């Protein structure tokens, strides 16, 4: 049984960073491939997933700023908060992207991750 993009967004165990990245990722698949049924298609190459991940990341933060953030290994919390204020995504979204890409351990800053239900109401953490 496979999950559709909508089912993945409704996962009650998602944190806010996962929810927003998943939402933009699935939206990218729809926008970039309007003429195809791409929500349930896996072409085996990973190209559709990589393309949607790149699109989502660029919507949330510009590529050059993300590269600066990730350039020197694990960034400090203060640096991530500064970038979040300048670029717009919540700090936990930056943390989630850096964890996904291997720049931070998956347990890093776990206490800053908001439940998805609360993530809809608050744009930035304190």
Protein backbone atom coordinates (compact mmCIF):
# COMPACT_ATOMS: atom_id res chain seq x y z
CA UNK A 1 0.00 0.00 0.00
CA UNK A 2 1.42 3.38 -0.93
CA UNK A 3 0.59 6.70 0.64
CA UNK A 4 -0.54 9.60 -1.48
CA UNK A 5 0.88 13.10 -1.01
CA UNK A 6 -2.25 14.15 0.86
CA UNK A 7 -2.04 11.15 3.20
CA UNK A 8 1.56 12.03 3.98
CA UNK A 9 0.53 15.56 4.93
CA UNK A 10 -2.06 14.21 7.37
CA UNK A 11 0.41 12.05 9.30
CA UNK A 12 -0.30 12.89 12.97
CA UNK A 13 3.32 12.21 13.95
CA UNK A 14 4.76 14.88 11.67
CA UNK A 15 6.46 17.89 13.12
CA UNK A 16 5.86 21.34 11.64
CA UNK A 17 9.10 21.26 9.63
CA UNK A 18 8.08 17.96 8.00
CA UNK A 19 4.58 19.23 7.30
CA UNK A 20 5.69 22.39 5.52
CA UNK A 21 8.49 20.75 3.57
CA UNK A 22 6.15 17.92 2.52
CA UNK A 23 3.47 20.40 1.50
CA UNK A 24 5.85 22.41 -0.69
CA UNK A 25 7.45 19.21 -2.04
CA UNK A 26 4.09 17.75 -3.12
CA UNK A 27 3.02 21.13 -4.54
CA UNK A 28 6.21 21.18 -6.60
CA UNK A 29 5.37 17.82 -8.12
CA UNK A 30 1.96 19.15 -9.15
CA UNK A 31 3.29 22.46 -10.49
CA UNK A 32 6.28 21.07 -12.34
CA UNK A 33 4.44 18.12 -13.90
CA UNK A 34 0.86 19.29 -14.38
CA UNK A 35 0.43 17.03 -17.37
CA UNK A 36 1.34 13.84 -15.48
CA UNK A 37 0.01 11.89 -12.52
CA UNK A 38 3.18 12.30 -10.49
CA UNK A 39 1.90 11.89 -6.94
CA UNK A 40 1.97 8.12 -7.14
CA UNK A 41 4.68 7.68 -9.78
CA UNK A 42 8.14 6.43 -8.91
CA UNK A 43 10.32 6.37 -11.99
CA UNK A 44 13.06 4.52 -10.10
CA UNK A 45 15.69 7.15 -10.79
CA UNK A 46 14.84 9.46 -7.91
CA UNK A 47 14.79 12.40 -10.32
CA UNK A 48 11.21 13.44 -9.49
CA UNK A 49 11.93 13.31 -5.76
CA UNK A 50 15.20 15.23 -6.07
CA UNK A 51 13.56 17.84 -8.28
CA UNK A 52 10.70 18.31 -5.80
CA UNK A 53 13.14 18.46 -2.85
CA UNK A 54 15.20 21.15 -4.61
CA UNK A 55 12.11 23.15 -5.46
CA UNK A 56 10.83 22.94 -1.87
CA UNK A 57 14.19 23.94 -0.43
CA UNK A 58 14.43 26.96 -2.76
CA UNK A 59 10.91 28.09 -1.82
CA UNK A 60 11.84 27.99 1.87
CA UNK A 61 15.37 29.47 1.59
CA UNK A 62 17.54 30.70 -1.28
CA UNK A 63 20.16 28.24 -2.50
CA UNK A 64 23.13 30.51 -1.79
CA UNK A 65 22.03 31.15 1.80
CA UNK A 66 21.43 27.43 2.38
CA UNK A 67 24.90 26.68 1.02
CA UNK A 68 26.37 29.27 3.42
CA UNK A 69 24.41 27.72 6.28
CA UNK A 70 25.68 24.24 5.49
CA UNK A 71 29.21 25.20 4.38
CA UNK A 72 31.02 24.83 7.68
CA UNK A 73 29.38 21.71 9.05
CA UNK A 74 26.81 21.98 11.82
CA UNK A 75 25.76 25.63 12.19
CA UNK A 76 25.09 27.14 15.60
CA UNK A 77 21.57 27.73 16.83
CA UNK A 78 22.16 31.50 16.86
CA UNK A 79 23.27 31.41 13.21
CA UNK A 80 20.20 29.37 12.23
CA UNK A 81 17.92 31.80 14.07
CA UNK A 82 19.55 34.76 12.30
CA UNK A 83 19.06 33.09 8.90
CA UNK A 84 15.45 32.27 9.80
CA UNK A 85 14.75 35.91 10.63
CA UNK A 86 16.39 37.13 7.41
CA UNK A 87 14.99 34.48 5.04
CA UNK A 88 11.57 33.71 6.49
CA UNK A 89 11.40 30.00 7.30
CA UNK A 90 11.00 29.01 10.95
CA UNK A 91 14.16 27.83 12.68
CA UNK A 92 12.82 24.29 12.99
CA UNK A 93 12.36 24.16 9.20
CA UNK A 94 16.04 24.99 8.73
CA UNK A 95 16.93 22.37 11.33
CA UNK A 96 14.81 19.78 9.50
CA UNK A 97 16.45 20.52 6.13
CA UNK A 98 19.93 20.35 7.64
CA UNK A 99 19.05 17.06 9.35
CA UNK A 100 17.63 15.61 6.13
CA UNK A 101 20.78 16.58 4.22
CA UNK A 102 23.13 15.18 6.89
CA UNK A 103 24.53 18.46 8.23
CA UNK A 104 22.89 17.93 11.63
CA UNK A 105 22.15 14.71 13.50
CA UNK A 106 18.49 13.71 13.57
CA UNK A 107 18.39 14.21 17.34
CA UNK A 108 19.87 17.71 17.19
CA UNK A 109 17.63 20.48 18.50
CA UNK A 110 14.70 18.08 18.85
CA UNK A 111 13.30 20.29 21.62
CA UNK A 112 12.78 23.08 19.07
CA UNK A 113 10.58 20.98 16.78
CA UNK A 114 6.93 21.97 16.94
CA UNK A 115 4.06 19.51 16.49
CA UNK A 116 2.51 19.96 13.05
CA UNK A 117 -0.82 21.10 14.48
CA UNK A 118 0.89 23.97 16.27
CA UNK A 119 3.15 24.70 13.31
CA UNK A 120 0.23 26.04 11.32
CA UNK A 121 -0.38 28.87 13.75
CA UNK A 122 3.11 30.20 14.41
CA UNK A 123 5.58 31.43 11.80
CA UNK A 124 8.67 31.85 14.00
CA UNK A 125 9.88 30.49 17.28
CA UNK A 126 11.08 32.79 20.05
